[in-house]
Amino acid sequence: ADLAAKKVVLLRADWTRRDPAITAAIGQLGRSGVPVYVLYEAGHAPQLLPQLPTVADMRAAIARL
């Protein structure tokens, strides 16, 4: 999948110091720890990916955008 064509942007959150905002965001996704991989698309519910996604998982999720 062409990430630029799909306008995919990486967001990385550092939870080293247990930031409350990151903790809340992880909890809203139904997870309690990291790693958390999720795709956000405007106007749609977040797509939660497997905890250890494969290249195929990532390609399939991006193709659904």
PDB file of N, CA and C in Angstrom:
ATOM      1  N   ALA A   1       0.845  -1.190   0.000  1.00  0.00           N
ATOM      2  CA  ALA A   1       0.000   0.000   0.000  1.00  0.00           C
ATOM      3  C   ALA A   1       0.880   1.240   0.000  1.00  0.00           C
ATOM      4  N   ASP A   2       0.473   2.238  -0.712  1.00  0.00           N
ATOM      5  CA  ASP A   2       1.210   3.490  -0.765  1.00  0.00           C
ATOM      6  C   ASP A   2       0.755   4.371   0.391  1.00  0.00           C
ATOM      7  N   LEU A   3       1.602   4.491   1.407  1.00  0.00           N
ATOM      8  CA  LEU A   3       1.234   5.252   2.601  1.00  0.00           C
ATOM      9  C   LEU A   3       0.967   6.716   2.282  1.00  0.00           C
ATOM     10  N   ALA A   4       1.752   7.285   1.392  1.00  0.00           N
ATOM     11  CA  ALA A   4       1.551   8.691   1.041  1.00  0.00           C
ATOM     12  C   ALA A   4       0.205   8.881   0.338  1.00  0.00           C
ATOM     13  N   ALA A   5      -0.146   7.968  -0.556  1.00  0.00           N
ATOM     14  CA  ALA A   5      -1.416   8.078  -1.277  1.00  0.00           C
ATOM     15  C   ALA A   5      -2.603   7.948  -0.332  1.00  0.00           C
ATOM     16  N   LYS A   6      -2.456   7.151   0.699  1.00  0.00           N
ATOM     17  CA  LYS A   6      -3.523   6.965   1.687  1.00  0.00           C
ATOM     18  C   LYS A   6      -3.465   8.021   2.792  1.00  0.00           C
ATOM     19  N   LYS A   7      -2.458   8.898   2.717  1.00  0.00           N
ATOM     20  CA  LYS A   7      -2.261   9.971   3.698  1.00  0.00           C
ATOM     21  C   LYS A   7      -2.104   9.422   5.121  1.00  0.00           C
ATOM     22  N   VAL A   8      -1.334   8.338   5.229  1.00  0.00           N
ATOM     23  CA  VAL A   8      -1.059   7.722   6.529  1.00  0.00           C
ATOM     24  C   VAL A   8       0.082   8.476   7.197  1.00  0.00           C
ATOM     25  N   VAL A   9      -0.121   8.842   8.455  1.00  0.00           N
ATOM     26  CA  VAL A   9       0.881   9.563   9.238  1.00  0.00           C
ATOM     27  C   VAL A   9       1.152   8.765  10.503  1.00  0.00           C
ATOM     28  N   LEU A  10       2.416   8.612  10.851  1.00  0.00           N
ATOM     29  CA  LEU A  10       2.798   7.888  12.058  1.00  0.00           C
ATOM     30  C   LEU A  10       2.657   8.784  13.279  1.00  0.00           C
ATOM     31  N   LEU A  11       2.039   8.254  14.306  1.00  0.00           N
ATOM     32  CA  LEU A  11       1.970   8.924  15.608  1.00  0.00           C
ATOM     33  C   LEU A  11       2.573   7.961  16.612  1.00  0.00           C
ATOM     34  N   ARG A  12       3.618   8.380  17.279  1.00  0.00           N
ATOM     35  CA  ARG A  12       4.267   7.536  18.269  1.00  0.00           C
ATOM     36  C   ARG A  12       4.151   8.223  19.620  1.00  0.00           C
ATOM     37  N   ALA A  13       3.628   7.515  20.603  1.00  0.00           N
ATOM     38  CA  ALA A  13       3.480   8.059  21.955  1.00  0.00           C
ATOM     39  C   ALA A  13       4.436   7.320  22.885  1.00  0.00           C
ATOM     40  N   ASP A  14       5.278   8.053  23.586  1.00  0.00           N
ATOM     41  CA  ASP A  14       6.245   7.471  24.520  1.00  0.00           C
ATOM     42  C   ASP A  14       5.606   7.364  25.896  1.00  0.00           C
ATOM     43  N   TRP A  15       5.410   6.146  26.350  1.00  0.00           N
ATOM     44  CA  TRP A  15       4.740   5.882  27.624  1.00  0.00           C
ATOM     45  C   TRP A  15       5.752   5.526  28.712  1.00  0.00           C
ATOM     46  N   THR A  16       7.014   5.868  28.498  1.00  0.00           N
ATOM     47  CA  THR A  16       8.081   5.545  29.452  1.00  0.00           C
ATOM     48  C   THR A  16       7.757   6.065  30.839  1.00  0.00           C
ATOM     49  N   ARG A  17       7.208   7.258  30.920  1.00  0.00           N
ATOM     50  CA  ARG A  17       6.908   7.882  32.218  1.00  0.00           C
ATOM     51  C   ARG A  17       5.430   7.791  32.583  1.00  0.00           C
ATOM     52  N   ARG A  18       4.688   6.908  31.943  1.00  0.00           N
ATOM     53  CA  ARG A  18       3.278   6.666  32.268  1.00  0.00           C
ATOM     54  C   ARG A  18       2.439   7.942  32.252  1.00  0.00           C
ATOM     55  N   ASP A  19       2.479   8.638  31.142  1.00  0.00           N
ATOM     56  CA  ASP A  19       1.711   9.864  30.961  1.00  0.00           C
ATOM     57  C   ASP A  19       0.218   9.570  31.089  1.00  0.00           C
ATOM     58  N   PRO A  20      -0.523  10.342  31.913  1.00  0.00           N
ATOM     59  CA  PRO A  20      -1.951  10.085  32.119  1.00  0.00           C
ATOM     60  C   PRO A  20      -2.785  10.158  30.836  1.00  0.00           C
ATOM     61  N   ALA A  21      -2.450  11.049  29.929  1.00  0.00           N
ATOM     62  CA  ALA A  21      -3.213  11.169  28.681  1.00  0.00           C
ATOM     63  C   ALA A  21      -3.038   9.920  27.820  1.00  0.00           C
ATOM     64  N   ILE A  22      -1.822   9.398  27.767  1.00  0.00           N
ATOM     65  CA  ILE A  22      -1.574   8.176  26.997  1.00  0.00           C
ATOM     66  C   ILE A  22      -2.254   6.989  27.670  1.00  0.00           C
ATOM     67  N   THR A  23      -2.190   6.931  28.992  1.00  0.00           N
ATOM     68  CA  THR A  23      -2.855   5.860  29.740  1.00  0.00           C
ATOM     69  C   THR A  23      -4.350   5.855  29.441  1.00  0.00           C
ATOM     70  N   ALA A  24      -4.965   7.032  29.423  1.00  0.00           N
ATOM     71  CA  ALA A  24      -6.396   7.146  29.135  1.00  0.00           C
ATOM     72  C   ALA A  24      -6.698   6.710  27.701  1.00  0.00           C
ATOM     73  N   ALA A  25      -5.867   7.117  26.754  1.00  0.00           N
ATOM     74  CA  ALA A  25      -6.084   6.750  25.351  1.00  0.00           C
ATOM     75  C   ALA A  25      -5.978   5.239  25.163  1.00  0.00           C
ATOM     76  N   ILE A  26      -5.010   4.618  25.815  1.00  0.00           N
ATOM     77  CA  ILE A  26      -4.856   3.160  25.738  1.00  0.00           C
ATOM     78  C   ILE A  26      -6.083   2.479  26.335  1.00  0.00           C
ATOM     79  N   GLY A  27      -6.556   2.983  27.467  1.00  0.00           N
ATOM     80  CA  GLY A  27      -7.740   2.419  28.114  1.00  0.00           C
ATOM     81  C   GLY A  27      -8.984   2.535  27.257  1.00  0.00           C
ATOM     82  N   GLN A  28      -9.134   3.657  26.549  1.00  0.00           N
ATOM     83  CA  GLN A  28     -10.295   3.843  25.670  1.00  0.00           C
ATOM     84  C   GLN A  28     -10.303   2.832  24.530  1.00  0.00           C
ATOM     85  N   LEU A  29      -9.137   2.303  24.213  1.00  0.00           N
ATOM     86  CA  LEU A  29      -9.038   1.293  23.158  1.00  0.00           C
ATOM     87  C   LEU A  29      -9.224  -0.123  23.707  1.00  0.00           C
ATOM     88  N   GLY A  30      -9.455  -0.229  25.019  1.00  0.00           N
ATOM     89  CA  GLY A  30      -9.659  -1.533  25.628  1.00  0.00           C
ATOM     90  C   GLY A  30      -8.380  -2.274  25.940  1.00  0.00           C
ATOM     91  N   ARG A  31      -7.279  -1.567  25.953  1.00  0.00           N
ATOM     92  CA  ARG A  31      -5.987  -2.172  26.258  1.00  0.00           C
ATOM     93  C   ARG A  31      -5.467  -1.603  27.572  1.00  0.00           C
ATOM     94  N   SER A  32      -4.533  -2.322  28.181  1.00  0.00           N
ATOM     95  CA  SER A  32      -3.977  -1.854  29.452  1.00  0.00           C
ATOM     96  C   SER A  32      -2.470  -1.657  29.394  1.00  0.00           C
ATOM     97  N   GLY A  33      -1.866  -1.916  28.259  1.00  0.00           N
ATOM     98  CA  GLY A  33      -0.422  -1.767  28.147  1.00  0.00           C
ATOM     99  C   GLY A  33      -0.003  -1.599  26.704  1.00  0.00           C
ATOM    100  N   VAL A  34       1.289  -1.556  26.508  1.00  0.00           N
ATOM    101  CA  VAL A  34       1.859  -1.367  25.176  1.00  0.00           C
ATOM    102  C   VAL A  34       2.560  -2.647  24.731  1.00  0.00           C
ATOM    103  N   PRO A  35       2.717  -2.860  23.449  1.00  0.00           N
ATOM    104  CA  PRO A  35       2.421  -1.932  22.360  1.00  0.00           C
ATOM    105  C   PRO A  35       0.938  -1.938  21.983  1.00  0.00           C
ATOM    106  N   VAL A  36       0.505  -0.822  21.426  1.00  0.00           N
ATOM    107  CA  VAL A  36      -0.845  -0.697  20.881  1.00  0.00           C
ATOM    108  C   VAL A  36      -0.698  -0.116  19.478  1.00  0.00           C
ATOM    109  N   TYR A  37      -1.223  -0.827  18.522  1.00  0.00           N
ATOM    110  CA  TYR A  37      -1.201  -0.368  17.141  1.00  0.00           C
ATOM    111  C   TYR A  37      -2.640  -0.117  16.716  1.00  0.00           C
ATOM    112  N   VAL A  38      -2.897   1.084  16.250  1.00  0.00           N
ATOM    113  CA  VAL A  38      -4.262   1.458  15.875  1.00  0.00           C
ATOM    114  C   VAL A  38      -4.208   2.421  14.692  1.00  0.00           C
ATOM    115  N   LEU A  39      -5.150   2.264  13.779  1.00  0.00           N
ATOM    116  CA  LEU A  39      -5.285   3.192  12.662  1.00  0.00           C
ATOM    117  C   LEU A  39      -6.513   4.051  12.905  1.00  0.00           C
ATOM    118  N   TYR A  40      -6.322   5.350  12.806  1.00  0.00           N
ATOM    119  CA  TYR A  40      -7.423   6.297  12.948  1.00  0.00           C
ATOM    120  C   TYR A  40      -7.750   6.852  11.571  1.00  0.00           C
ATOM    121  N   GLU A  41      -9.025   6.856  11.234  1.00  0.00           N
ATOM    122  CA  GLU A  41      -9.484   7.449   9.985  1.00  0.00           C
ATOM    123  C   GLU A  41     -10.628   8.396  10.324  1.00  0.00           C
ATOM    124  N   ALA A  42     -10.558   9.605   9.810  1.00  0.00           N
ATOM    125  CA  ALA A  42     -11.584  10.606  10.100  1.00  0.00           C
ATOM    126  C   ALA A  42     -12.972  10.054   9.806  1.00  0.00           C
ATOM    127  N   GLY A  43     -13.875  10.216  10.769  1.00  0.00           N
ATOM    128  CA  GLY A  43     -15.252   9.798  10.590  1.00  0.00           C
ATOM    129  C   GLY A  43     -15.511   8.321  10.812  1.00  0.00           C
ATOM    130  N   HIS A  44     -14.497   7.571  11.227  1.00  0.00           N
ATOM    131  CA  HIS A  44     -14.634   6.130  11.444  1.00  0.00           C
ATOM    132  C   HIS A  44     -14.095   5.749  12.818  1.00  0.00           C
ATOM    133  N   ALA A  45     -14.543   4.612  13.298  1.00  0.00           N
ATOM    134  CA  ALA A  45     -14.021   4.083  14.560  1.00  0.00           C
ATOM    135  C   ALA A  45     -12.565   3.655  14.363  1.00  0.00           C
ATOM    136  N   PRO A  46     -11.749   3.760  15.403  1.00  0.00           N
ATOM    137  CA  PRO A  46     -10.355   3.312  15.292  1.00  0.00           C
ATOM    138  C   PRO A  46     -10.281   1.826  14.932  1.00  0.00           C
ATOM    139  N   GLN A  47      -9.304   1.473  14.104  1.00  0.00           N
ATOM    140  CA  GLN A  47      -9.044   0.074  13.757  1.00  0.00           C
ATOM    141  C   GLN A  47      -7.922  -0.422  14.658  1.00  0.00           C
ATOM    142  N   LEU A  48      -8.246  -1.256  15.620  1.00  0.00           N
ATOM    143  CA  LEU A  48      -7.254  -1.810  16.525  1.00  0.00           C
ATOM    144  C   LEU A  48      -6.598  -3.002  15.850  1.00  0.00           C
ATOM    145  N   LEU A  49      -5.279  -2.983  15.794  1.00  0.00           N
ATOM    146  CA  LEU A  49      -4.528  -4.054  15.150  1.00  0.00           C
ATOM    147  C   LEU A  49      -4.016  -5.033  16.203  1.00  0.00           C
ATOM    148  N   PRO A  50      -3.557  -6.216  15.768  1.00  0.00           N
ATOM    149  CA  PRO A  50      -2.998  -7.169  16.729  1.00  0.00           C
ATOM    150  C   PRO A  50      -1.845  -6.546  17.515  1.00  0.00           C
ATOM    151  N   GLN A  51      -1.584  -7.083  18.704  1.00  0.00           N
ATOM    152  CA  GLN A  51      -0.533  -6.528  19.556  1.00  0.00           C
ATOM    153  C   GLN A  51       0.837  -6.597  18.887  1.00  0.00           C
ATOM    154  N   LEU A  52       1.056  -7.614  18.089  1.00  0.00           N
ATOM    155  CA  LEU A  52       2.287  -7.734  17.305  1.00  0.00           C
ATOM    156  C   LEU A  52       1.894  -7.957  15.842  1.00  0.00           C
ATOM    157  N   PRO A  53       1.539  -6.882  15.148  1.00  0.00           N
ATOM    158  CA  PRO A  53       1.034  -7.033  13.781  1.00  0.00           C
ATOM    159  C   PRO A  53       2.122  -7.479  12.813  1.00  0.00           C
ATOM    160  N   THR A  54       1.711  -8.280  11.855  1.00  0.00           N
ATOM    161  CA  THR A  54       2.615  -8.681  10.782  1.00  0.00           C
ATOM    162  C   THR A  54       2.545  -7.637   9.670  1.00  0.00           C
ATOM    163  N   VAL A  55       3.445  -7.758   8.713  1.00  0.00           N
ATOM    164  CA  VAL A  55       3.399  -6.875   7.549  1.00  0.00           C
ATOM    165  C   VAL A  55       2.054  -7.056   6.840  1.00  0.00           C
ATOM    166  N   ALA A  56       1.582  -8.290   6.757  1.00  0.00           N
ATOM    167  CA  ALA A  56       0.291  -8.556   6.111  1.00  0.00           C
ATOM    168  C   ALA A  56      -0.853  -7.882   6.867  1.00  0.00           C
ATOM    169  N   ASP A  57      -0.808  -7.895   8.206  1.00  0.00           N
ATOM    170  CA  ASP A  57      -1.828  -7.208   9.007  1.00  0.00           C
ATOM    171  C   ASP A  57      -1.849  -5.719   8.681  1.00  0.00           C
ATOM    172  N   MET A  58      -0.666  -5.120   8.623  1.00  0.00           N
ATOM    173  CA  MET A  58      -0.569  -3.683   8.352  1.00  0.00           C
ATOM    174  C   MET A  58      -1.071  -3.358   6.949  1.00  0.00           C
ATOM    175  N   ARG A  59      -0.653  -4.148   5.980  1.00  0.00           N
ATOM    176  CA  ARG A  59      -1.094  -3.904   4.598  1.00  0.00           C
ATOM    177  C   ARG A  59      -2.606  -4.024   4.467  1.00  0.00           C
ATOM    178  N   ALA A  60      -3.180  -5.033   5.101  1.00  0.00           N
ATOM    179  CA  ALA A  60      -4.634  -5.230   5.021  1.00  0.00           C
ATOM    180  C   ALA A  60      -5.377  -4.067   5.668  1.00  0.00           C
ATOM    181  N   ALA A  61      -4.905  -3.615   6.813  1.00  0.00           N
ATOM    182  CA  ALA A  61      -5.565  -2.503   7.508  1.00  0.00           C
ATOM    183  C   ALA A  61      -5.481  -1.220   6.688  1.00  0.00           C
ATOM    184  N   ILE A  62      -4.327  -0.957   6.111  1.00  0.00           N
ATOM    185  CA  ILE A  62      -4.151   0.256   5.311  1.00  0.00           C
ATOM    186  C   ILE A  62      -4.988   0.177   4.038  1.00  0.00           C
ATOM    187  N   ALA A  63      -5.103  -1.002   3.462  1.00  0.00           N
ATOM    188  CA  ALA A  63      -5.917  -1.173   2.251  1.00  0.00           C
ATOM    189  C   ALA A  63      -7.386  -0.878   2.524  1.00  0.00           C
ATOM    190  N   ARG A  64      -7.835  -1.083   3.772  1.00  0.00           N
ATOM    191  CA  ARG A  64      -9.241  -0.817   4.115  1.00  0.00           C
ATOM    192  C   ARG A  64      -9.524   0.673   4.300  1.00  0.00           C
ATOM    193  N   LEU A  65      -8.501   1.498   4.332  1.00  0.00           N
ATOM    194  CA  LEU A  65      -8.713   2.942   4.518  1.00  0.00           C
ATOM    195  C   LEU A  65      -9.373   3.549   3.298  1.00  0.00           C
TER     196      LEU A  65
END
